[in-house]
PDB file of N, CA and C in Angstrom:
ATOM      1  N   MET A   1       6.909 -16.975   9.877  1.00  0.00           N
ATOM      2  CA  MET A   1       7.179 -15.479  10.736  1.00  0.00           C
ATOM      3  C   MET A   1       5.974 -14.972  11.280  1.00  0.00           C
ATOM      4  N   GLU A   2       5.827 -14.906  12.667  1.00  0.00           N
ATOM      5  CA  GLU A   2       4.605 -13.732  13.024  1.00  0.00           C
ATOM      6  C   GLU A   2       5.538 -12.538  13.118  1.00  0.00           C
ATOM      7  N   LEU A   3       4.036 -11.712  12.679  1.00  0.00           N
ATOM      8  CA  LEU A   3       3.994  -9.986  12.215  1.00  0.00           C
ATOM      9  C   LEU A   3       3.067  -9.501  13.003  1.00  0.00           C
ATOM     10  N   PRO A   4       3.606  -9.430  14.780  1.00  0.00           N
ATOM     11  CA  PRO A   4       2.596  -9.088  15.482  1.00  0.00           C
ATOM     12  C   PRO A   4       1.674  -7.602  15.357  1.00  0.00           C
ATOM     13  N   PHE A   5       2.549  -6.501  14.283  1.00  0.00           N
ATOM     14  CA  PHE A   5       2.335  -5.410  14.545  1.00  0.00           C
ATOM     15  C   PHE A   5       1.123  -5.368  13.337  1.00  0.00           C
ATOM     16  N   ILE A   6       0.863  -6.470  12.595  1.00  0.00           N
ATOM     17  CA  ILE A   6       0.045  -6.610  11.679  1.00  0.00           C
ATOM     18  C   ILE A   6      -1.448  -7.251  11.957  1.00  0.00           C
ATOM     19  N   ASP A   7      -1.440  -8.113  13.115  1.00  0.00           N
ATOM     20  CA  ASP A   7      -2.656  -8.432  13.468  1.00  0.00           C
ATOM     21  C   ASP A   7      -3.978  -7.890  13.894  1.00  0.00           C
ATOM     22  N   ASN A   8      -4.730  -8.076  13.634  1.00  0.00           N
ATOM     23  CA  ASN A   8      -6.171  -7.847  13.444  1.00  0.00           C
ATOM     24  C   ASN A   8      -6.169  -6.845  11.799  1.00  0.00           C
ATOM     25  N   VAL A   9      -5.441  -6.481  10.763  1.00  0.00           N
ATOM     26  CA  VAL A   9      -5.556  -5.659   9.887  1.00  0.00           C
ATOM     27  C   VAL A   9      -6.382  -6.336   8.860  1.00  0.00           C
ATOM     28  N   ASP A  10      -7.203  -5.840   8.365  1.00  0.00           N
ATOM     29  CA  ASP A  10      -8.384  -6.564   7.395  1.00  0.00           C
ATOM     30  C   ASP A  10      -7.671  -5.936   5.877  1.00  0.00           C
ATOM     31  N   LEU A  11      -7.845  -7.029   5.155  1.00  0.00           N
ATOM     32  CA  LEU A  11      -7.038  -6.842   3.426  1.00  0.00           C
ATOM     33  C   LEU A  11      -8.088  -4.995   3.377  1.00  0.00           C
ATOM     34  N   GLU A  12      -9.009  -4.612   3.440  1.00  0.00           N
ATOM     35  CA  GLU A  12      -9.242  -3.242   3.326  1.00  0.00           C
ATOM     36  C   GLU A  12      -8.678  -1.914   3.360  1.00  0.00           C
ATOM     37  N   THR A  13      -8.037  -2.237   4.930  1.00  0.00           N
ATOM     38  CA  THR A  13      -7.241  -1.543   5.601  1.00  0.00           C
ATOM     39  C   THR A  13      -5.814  -1.418   5.090  1.00  0.00           C
ATOM     40  N   LEU A  14      -5.256  -2.627   5.131  1.00  0.00           N
ATOM     41  CA  LEU A  14      -4.239  -2.763   4.140  1.00  0.00           C
ATOM     42  C   LEU A  14      -3.953  -1.892   2.696  1.00  0.00           C
ATOM     43  N   MET A  15      -4.815  -2.696   2.059  1.00  0.00           N
ATOM     44  CA  MET A  15      -4.861  -2.046   0.728  1.00  0.00           C
ATOM     45  C   MET A  15      -5.127  -0.521   0.790  1.00  0.00           C
ATOM     46  N   ARG A  16      -5.869   0.145   1.761  1.00  0.00           N
ATOM     47  CA  ARG A  16      -6.039   2.063   1.722  1.00  0.00           C
ATOM     48  C   ARG A  16      -4.805   2.306   2.081  1.00  0.00           C
ATOM     49  N   VAL A  17      -3.755   1.677   3.345  1.00  0.00           N
ATOM     50  CA  VAL A  17      -2.405   2.100   3.652  1.00  0.00           C
ATOM     51  C   VAL A  17      -1.605   2.321   2.657  1.00  0.00           C
ATOM     52  N   ARG A  18      -1.653   1.015   1.794  1.00  0.00           N
ATOM     53  CA  ARG A  18      -1.063   1.000   0.753  1.00  0.00           C
ATOM     54  C   ARG A  18      -1.275   2.445  -0.547  1.00  0.00           C
ATOM     55  N   THR A  19      -2.469   2.238  -0.562  1.00  0.00           N
ATOM     56  CA  THR A  19      -2.635   3.854  -1.412  1.00  0.00           C
ATOM     57  C   THR A  19      -2.146   4.709  -1.032  1.00  0.00           C
ATOM     58  N   ASP A  20      -2.912   5.237   0.187  1.00  0.00           N
ATOM     59  CA  ASP A  20      -2.598   6.655   0.667  1.00  0.00           C
ATOM     60  C   ASP A  20      -1.432   6.797   1.179  1.00  0.00           C
ATOM     61  N   GLU A  21      -0.323   5.792   1.381  1.00  0.00           N
ATOM     62  CA  GLU A  21       1.055   5.563   2.194  1.00  0.00           C
ATOM     63  C   GLU A  21       2.026   4.763   1.051  1.00  0.00           C
ATOM     64  N   GLY A  22       1.821   4.954  -0.041  1.00  0.00           N
ATOM     65  CA  GLY A  22       2.145   4.661  -0.836  1.00  0.00           C
ATOM     66  C   GLY A  22       3.811   3.953  -0.758  1.00  0.00           C
ATOM     67  N   GLN A  23       4.688   5.346  -0.558  1.00  0.00           N
ATOM     68  CA  GLN A  23       6.251   5.659  -0.045  1.00  0.00           C
ATOM     69  C   GLN A  23       6.196   4.820   1.035  1.00  0.00           C
ATOM     70  N   ALA A  24       5.963   5.024   1.685  1.00  0.00           N
ATOM     71  CA  ALA A  24       6.009   4.218   3.209  1.00  0.00           C
ATOM     72  C   ALA A  24       6.004   2.697   3.410  1.00  0.00           C
ATOM     73  N   PHE A  25       4.740   2.590   2.731  1.00  0.00           N
ATOM     74  CA  PHE A  25       4.295   0.952   2.230  1.00  0.00           C
ATOM     75  C   PHE A  25       5.483   0.450   1.591  1.00  0.00           C
ATOM     76  N   GLU A  26       6.026   1.129   0.155  1.00  0.00           N
ATOM     77  CA  GLU A  26       7.401   0.671  -0.375  1.00  0.00           C
ATOM     78  C   GLU A  26       8.473   0.417   0.349  1.00  0.00           C
ATOM     79  N   ASN A  27       8.479   1.177   1.144  1.00  0.00           N
ATOM     80  CA  ASN A  27      10.190   1.551   2.273  1.00  0.00           C
ATOM     81  C   ASN A  27       9.961   0.358   3.094  1.00  0.00           C
ATOM     82  N   PHE A  28       8.395  -0.140   3.674  1.00  0.00           N
ATOM     83  CA  PHE A  28       8.526  -1.309   4.796  1.00  0.00           C
ATOM     84  C   PHE A  28       8.643  -2.404   3.682  1.00  0.00           C
ATOM     85  N   ARG A  29       8.086  -2.531   2.684  1.00  0.00           N
ATOM     86  CA  ARG A  29       8.031  -3.902   1.833  1.00  0.00           C
ATOM     87  C   ARG A  29       9.615  -4.187   1.461  1.00  0.00           C
ATOM     88  N   LEU A  30      10.702  -3.131   1.228  1.00  0.00           N
ATOM     89  CA  LEU A  30      11.369  -3.241   0.483  1.00  0.00           C
ATOM     90  C   LEU A  30      12.554  -3.705   2.235  1.00  0.00           C
ATOM     91  N   ALA A  31      12.086  -3.032   2.958  1.00  0.00           N
ATOM     92  CA  ALA A  31      12.897  -3.711   4.578  1.00  0.00           C
ATOM     93  C   ALA A  31      12.796  -5.356   4.727  1.00  0.00           C
ATOM     94  N   LEU A  32      11.116  -5.259   4.913  1.00  0.00           N
ATOM     95  CA  LEU A  32      11.146  -6.603   5.067  1.00  0.00           C
ATOM     96  C   LEU A  32      11.656  -7.600   4.224  1.00  0.00           C
ATOM     97  N   ASP A  33      11.234  -7.632   2.915  1.00  0.00           N
ATOM     98  CA  ASP A  33      12.075  -8.363   1.900  1.00  0.00           C
ATOM     99  C   ASP A  33      14.039  -8.420   2.290  1.00  0.00           C
ATOM    100  N   LYS A  34      14.225  -7.475   2.843  1.00  0.00           N
ATOM    101  CA  LYS A  34      15.900  -7.392   2.927  1.00  0.00           C
ATOM    102  C   LYS A  34      16.031  -8.501   4.066  1.00  0.00           C
ATOM    103  N   GLN A  35      15.360  -8.610   4.816  1.00  0.00           N
ATOM    104  CA  GLN A  35      15.535  -8.838   6.305  1.00  0.00           C
ATOM    105  C   GLN A  35      15.196 -10.415   5.849  1.00  0.00           C
ATOM    106  N   LEU A  36      13.914 -10.469   5.168  1.00  0.00           N
ATOM    107  CA  LEU A  36      13.937 -12.686   5.049  1.00  0.00           C
ATOM    108  C   LEU A  36      14.831 -13.022   4.103  1.00  0.00           C
ATOM    109  N   ARG A  37      15.101 -11.945   3.080  1.00  0.00           N
ATOM    110  CA  ARG A  37      16.124 -12.620   2.278  1.00  0.00           C
ATOM    111  C   ARG A  37      17.780 -12.861   2.863  1.00  0.00           C
ATOM    112  N   ASP A  38      18.013 -12.159   4.407  1.00  0.00           N
ATOM    113  CA  ASP A  38      19.043 -12.558   4.974  1.00  0.00           C
ATOM    114  C   ASP A  38      18.544 -14.150   5.748  1.00  0.00           C
ATOM    115  N   LEU A  39      17.380 -14.111   5.963  1.00  0.00           N
ATOM    116  CA  LEU A  39      17.135 -15.172   6.839  1.00  0.00           C
ATOM    117  C   LEU A  39      17.010 -16.232   5.943  1.00  0.00           C
ATOM    118  N   ARG A  40      16.375 -16.397   4.882  1.00  0.00           N
ATOM    119  CA  ARG A  40      16.581 -17.524   3.952  1.00  0.00           C
ATOM    120  C   ARG A  40      18.214 -18.278   3.783  1.00  0.00           C
ATOM    121  N   LEU A  41      18.916 -17.755   4.036  1.00  0.00           N
ATOM    122  CA  LEU A  41      20.246 -18.145   4.040  1.00  0.00           C
ATOM    123  C   LEU A  41      20.556 -18.649   4.853  1.00  0.00           C
ATOM    124  N   GLU A  42      20.508 -18.136   6.006  1.00  0.00           N
ATOM    125  CA  GLU A  42      20.750 -19.193   7.600  1.00  0.00           C
ATOM    126  C   GLU A  42      20.365 -20.501   7.581  1.00  0.00           C
ATOM    127  N   SER A  43      21.344 -21.348   7.982  1.00  0.00           N
ATOM    128  CA  SER A  43      20.809 -22.861   7.936  1.00  0.00           C
ATOM    129  C   SER A  43      21.059 -23.426   9.975  1.00  0.00           C
ATOM    130  N   ASP A  44      21.582 -22.421  10.479  1.00  0.00           N
ATOM    131  CA  ASP A  44      22.017 -22.859  11.766  1.00  0.00           C
ATOM    132  C   ASP A  44      20.516 -21.981  12.775  1.00  0.00           C
ATOM    133  N   PRO A  45      20.005 -23.124  13.357  1.00  0.00           N
ATOM    134  CA  PRO A  45      18.972 -22.889  14.416  1.00  0.00           C
ATOM    135  C   PRO A  45      19.037 -21.825  14.693  1.00  0.00           C
ATOM    136  N   GLU A  46      19.885 -21.905  15.734  1.00  0.00           N
ATOM    137  CA  GLU A  46      20.549 -20.397  16.729  1.00  0.00           C
ATOM    138  C   GLU A  46      20.914 -19.315  16.372  1.00  0.00           C
ATOM    139  N   LYS A  47      21.404 -19.243  14.915  1.00  0.00           N
ATOM    140  CA  LYS A  47      21.707 -17.881  14.412  1.00  0.00           C
ATOM    141  C   LYS A  47      20.623 -17.382  13.759  1.00  0.00           C
ATOM    142  N   LEU A  48      19.297 -18.506  13.196  1.00  0.00           N
ATOM    143  CA  LEU A  48      18.407 -18.159  12.693  1.00  0.00           C
ATOM    144  C   LEU A  48      17.552 -17.495  13.280  1.00  0.00           C
ATOM    145  N   LYS A  49      17.304 -18.163  14.492  1.00  0.00           N
ATOM    146  CA  LYS A  49      16.529 -17.128  15.750  1.00  0.00           C
ATOM    147  C   LYS A  49      16.755 -15.928  16.145  1.00  0.00           C
ATOM    148  N   LEU A  50      18.750 -15.881  15.985  1.00  0.00           N
ATOM    149  CA  LEU A  50      19.233 -14.533  16.432  1.00  0.00           C
ATOM    150  C   LEU A  50      18.947 -13.498  15.359  1.00  0.00           C
ATOM    151  N   LYS A  51      18.673 -13.906  14.097  1.00  0.00           N
ATOM    152  CA  LYS A  51      18.857 -13.269  13.294  1.00  0.00           C
ATOM    153  C   LYS A  51      17.222 -12.760  12.878  1.00  0.00           C
ATOM    154  N   ALA A  52      16.591 -13.982  13.226  1.00  0.00           N
ATOM    155  CA  ALA A  52      15.106 -13.300  13.155  1.00  0.00           C
ATOM    156  C   ALA A  52      14.258 -12.238  14.398  1.00  0.00           C
ATOM    157  N   GLU A  53      15.039 -12.164  15.358  1.00  0.00           N
ATOM    158  CA  GLU A  53      14.921 -11.629  16.562  1.00  0.00           C
ATOM    159  C   GLU A  53      15.511 -10.256  16.246  1.00  0.00           C
ATOM    160  N   ASN A  54      16.768 -10.094  15.701  1.00  0.00           N
ATOM    161  CA  ASN A  54      17.430  -8.834  15.150  1.00  0.00           C
ATOM    162  C   ASN A  54      16.429  -8.326  14.178  1.00  0.00           C
ATOM    163  N   ALA A  55      16.206  -8.530  13.145  1.00  0.00           N
ATOM    164  CA  ALA A  55      15.083  -8.325  11.837  1.00  0.00           C
ATOM    165  C   ALA A  55      13.568  -7.587  12.597  1.00  0.00           C
ATOM    166  N   MET A  56      13.404  -8.256  13.827  1.00  0.00           N
ATOM    167  CA  MET A  56      11.986  -8.078  14.082  1.00  0.00           C
ATOM    168  C   MET A  56      12.130  -7.099  14.953  1.00  0.00           C
ATOM    169  N   HIS A  57      13.270  -6.959  15.461  1.00  0.00           N
ATOM    170  CA  HIS A  57      13.618  -5.498  16.021  1.00  0.00           C
ATOM    171  C   HIS A  57      13.888  -4.018  15.208  1.00  0.00           C
ATOM    172  N   GLU A  58      14.779  -4.523  14.107  1.00  0.00           N
ATOM    173  CA  GLU A  58      14.652  -3.065  13.118  1.00  0.00           C
ATOM    174  C   GLU A  58      13.616  -3.223  12.094  1.00  0.00           C
ATOM    175  N   LEU A  59      12.904  -4.208  11.868  1.00  0.00           N
ATOM    176  CA  LEU A  59      11.429  -3.641  11.458  1.00  0.00           C
ATOM    177  C   LEU A  59      10.515  -2.606  12.360  1.00  0.00           C
ATOM    178  N   MET A  60      10.610  -3.250  13.312  1.00  0.00           N
ATOM    179  CA  MET A  60       9.754  -2.297  14.566  1.00  0.00           C
ATOM    180  C   MET A  60      10.072  -1.529  15.467  1.00  0.00           C
ATOM    181  N   THR A  61      11.009  -1.307  15.655  1.00  0.00           N
ATOM    182  CA  THR A  61      11.798  -0.325  16.319  1.00  0.00           C
ATOM    183  C   THR A  61      12.551   0.920  15.157  1.00  0.00           C
ATOM    184  N   CYS A  62      13.788   0.329  14.790  1.00  0.00           N
ATOM    185  CA  CYS A  62      14.375   1.530  14.098  1.00  0.00           C
ATOM    186  C   CYS A  62      13.834   1.510  12.677  1.00  0.00           C
ATOM    187  N   ARG A  63      13.121   1.113  12.035  1.00  0.00           N
ATOM    188  CA  ARG A  63      12.436   1.691  11.145  1.00  0.00           C
ATOM    189  C   ARG A  63      11.637   2.906  11.179  1.00  0.00           C
ATOM    190  N   LEU A  64      10.694   3.237  12.457  1.00  0.00           N
ATOM    191  CA  LEU A  64       9.372   3.594  13.014  1.00  0.00           C
ATOM    192  C   LEU A  64      10.367   5.288  13.153  1.00  0.00           C
ATOM    193  N   ASP A  65      11.871   5.078  13.128  1.00  0.00           N
ATOM    194  CA  ASP A  65      12.041   7.106  13.052  1.00  0.00           C
ATOM    195  C   ASP A  65      12.465   6.944  12.137  1.00  0.00           C
ATOM    196  N   ARG A  66      12.330   6.674  10.869  1.00  0.00           N
ATOM    197  CA  ARG A  66      12.973   6.953   9.801  1.00  0.00           C
ATOM    198  C   ARG A  66      11.963   7.461   8.413  1.00  0.00           C
TER     199      ARG A  66
END
């Protein structure tokens, strides 16, 4: 799965965000894990593609408001 919103982020920056914004990082990690768990259960390629697109939308758009 491509995660375009973390392109070109070095490990140092990622760890700083994890430390400085721990709760937000944890919330994102949990949301990502939930979305990926649902995707692992799908075997139909078309449904998988749709669910992946919906997951990306949820993580990139909807979660930003929370």
